[in-house]
Protein backbone atom coordinates (compact mmCIF):
# COMPACT_ATOMS: atom_id res chain seq x y z
CA UNK A 1 113.15 117.26 122.05
CA UNK A 2 112.82 115.66 118.61
CA UNK A 3 115.42 113.39 117.15
CA UNK A 4 117.02 114.35 113.88
CA UNK A 5 114.61 113.71 111.00
CA UNK A 6 111.58 113.11 113.26
CA UNK A 7 108.31 114.83 112.48
CA UNK A 8 106.37 116.83 115.02
CA UNK A 9 102.91 115.23 114.77
CA UNK A 10 100.58 113.68 117.29
CA UNK A 11 101.22 110.08 118.24
CA UNK A 12 97.96 108.80 116.65
CA UNK A 13 98.31 110.84 113.47
CA UNK A 14 96.85 109.03 110.44
CA UNK A 15 99.01 110.07 107.47
CA UNK A 16 96.81 108.41 104.84
CA UNK A 17 93.59 110.02 106.13
CA UNK A 18 95.37 113.37 106.42
CA UNK A 19 96.57 113.36 102.81
CA UNK A 20 93.30 111.96 101.44
CA UNK A 21 91.44 114.73 103.27
CA UNK A 22 93.89 117.29 101.89
CA UNK A 23 93.40 115.99 98.34
CA UNK A 24 89.62 115.98 98.75
CA UNK A 25 89.69 119.63 99.89
CA UNK A 26 92.07 120.51 97.07
CA UNK A 27 89.82 118.88 94.48
CA UNK A 28 86.65 120.24 96.05
CA UNK A 29 85.21 116.88 97.07
CA UNK A 30 83.99 115.91 100.50
CA UNK A 31 85.25 112.73 102.09
CA UNK A 32 82.46 110.26 102.76
CA UNK A 33 81.25 110.50 106.32
CA UNK A 34 81.76 107.37 108.39
CA UNK A 35 78.53 105.49 108.91
CA UNK A 36 78.01 105.34 112.63
CA UNK A 37 76.36 102.22 113.94
CA UNK A 38 76.23 100.49 110.56
CA UNK A 39 77.11 96.84 111.09
CA UNK A 40 78.42 94.88 108.14
CA UNK A 41 76.02 92.21 107.04
CA UNK A 42 77.21 88.95 105.54
CA UNK A 43 76.52 86.19 103.06
CA UNK A 44 78.39 83.01 104.01
CA UNK A 45 78.42 80.07 101.59
CA UNK A 46 79.27 76.55 102.81
CA UNK A 47 80.23 74.47 99.77
CA UNK A 48 79.60 70.73 99.93
CA UNK A 49 82.96 68.97 99.84
CA UNK A 50 81.66 65.39 99.94
CA UNK A 51 78.42 64.65 98.13
CA UNK A 52 78.87 66.11 94.64
CA UNK A 53 79.84 63.89 91.70
CA UNK A 54 83.64 63.44 91.48
CA UNK A 55 83.76 65.04 88.03
CA UNK A 56 82.40 68.30 89.51
CA UNK A 57 85.36 68.51 91.89
CA UNK A 58 87.71 67.64 89.00
CA UNK A 59 86.31 70.14 86.47
CA UNK A 60 85.37 73.17 88.59
CA UNK A 61 87.67 75.13 90.85
CA UNK A 62 87.35 77.56 93.72
CA UNK A 63 89.26 80.37 91.99
CA UNK A 64 86.73 80.58 89.17
CA UNK A 65 83.69 80.98 91.42
CA UNK A 66 85.57 83.50 93.55
CA UNK A 67 86.46 85.55 90.45
CA UNK A 68 82.85 85.48 89.26
CA UNK A 69 81.53 86.53 92.65
CA UNK A 70 84.06 89.37 92.90
CA UNK A 71 83.04 90.57 89.43
CA UNK A 72 79.32 90.68 90.31
CA UNK A 73 79.88 92.24 93.74
CA UNK A 74 82.09 95.00 92.34
CA UNK A 75 79.98 95.64 89.24
CA UNK A 76 76.78 96.02 91.26
CA UNK A 77 78.41 97.76 94.27
CA UNK A 78 77.09 95.13 96.68
CA UNK A 79 79.96 95.01 99.17
CA UNK A 80 83.08 92.89 99.04
CA UNK A 81 84.30 89.33 98.77
CA UNK A 82 86.16 88.63 102.01
CA UNK A 83 87.88 85.36 101.13
CA UNK A 84 87.49 81.69 101.97
CA UNK A 85 88.28 79.11 104.57
CA UNK A 86 89.02 75.55 103.47
CA UNK A 87 88.20 72.80 105.93
CA UNK A 88 88.31 69.01 105.66
CA UNK A 89 84.87 68.48 104.14
CA UNK A 90 83.74 71.97 103.16
CA UNK A 91 84.91 75.32 101.90
CA UNK A 92 83.35 78.51 103.22
CA UNK A 93 83.10 81.66 101.10
CA UNK A 94 82.69 84.98 102.92
CA UNK A 95 81.06 88.10 101.48
CA UNK A 96 79.96 91.25 103.28
CA UNK A 97 78.15 94.49 102.59
CA UNK A 98 75.65 96.97 103.96
CA UNK A 99 72.62 94.85 102.93
CA UNK A 100 72.90 91.04 103.08
CA UNK A 101 69.61 90.45 101.24
CA UNK A 102 70.67 92.68 98.35
CA UNK A 103 74.10 91.04 98.32
CA UNK A 104 72.57 87.55 98.16
CA UNK A 105 70.09 88.58 95.46
CA UNK A 106 73.02 89.91 93.44
CA UNK A 107 75.17 86.76 93.69
CA UNK A 108 72.44 84.10 93.79
CA UNK A 109 72.37 83.42 90.03
CA UNK A 110 76.17 83.12 89.95
CA UNK A 111 76.09 80.61 92.81
CA UNK A 112 73.22 78.57 91.35
CA UNK A 113 74.84 78.40 87.90
CA UNK A 114 78.24 77.13 89.08
CA UNK A 115 78.28 73.32 89.56
CA UNK A 116 80.67 73.45 92.53
CA UNK A 117 77.95 75.35 94.43
CA UNK A 118 75.34 72.59 94.14
CA UNK A 119 73.98 71.63 97.55
CA UNK A 120 75.68 74.64 99.15
CA UNK A 121 74.27 76.05 102.38
CA UNK A 122 74.03 79.85 102.31
CA UNK A 123 73.67 81.94 105.46
CA UNK A 124 72.33 85.46 104.99
CA UNK A 125 73.19 87.33 108.18
CA UNK A 126 71.76 90.76 109.03
CA UNK A 127 74.71 91.95 111.13
CA UNK A 128 77.67 90.64 113.06
CA UNK A 129 77.95 87.16 114.58
CA UNK A 130 74.85 86.31 116.59
CA UNK A 131 72.58 88.57 114.52
CA UNK A 132 69.34 87.48 112.88
CA UNK A 133 69.95 85.26 109.87
CA UNK A 134 68.26 82.96 107.42
CA UNK A 135 69.53 79.94 105.53
CA UNK A 136 69.09 78.91 101.91
CA UNK A 137 70.01 75.55 100.36
CA UNK A 138 71.11 75.67 96.72
């Protein structure tokens, strides 16, 4: 028996997916099919927090490079900017998408042209943790 005001729907009912599917049918568009077996690839940038000139750390900030990366990634449909992790001597920027090489090619100029990214170590990973990867030093 249902309580007053309760809806009769399955326990694992996804309201958002249900309504998005309804709207897609209503508007005559198909929902994108989930990509089975497609692992997200990653570009991971380790910024040097010690060896750059002090004026670089004073003049250039993390928010600006993040905004520039987000702009390029969105404009060129490369994936997404996943955030950062600040540690004692480095900051790590995380980006992901379906093709790590294409993602890196798209953001490389932005990274190379921003002084805070000098001497950064970039990991271009072809899948989840433990997958094949290569490293680039800026």
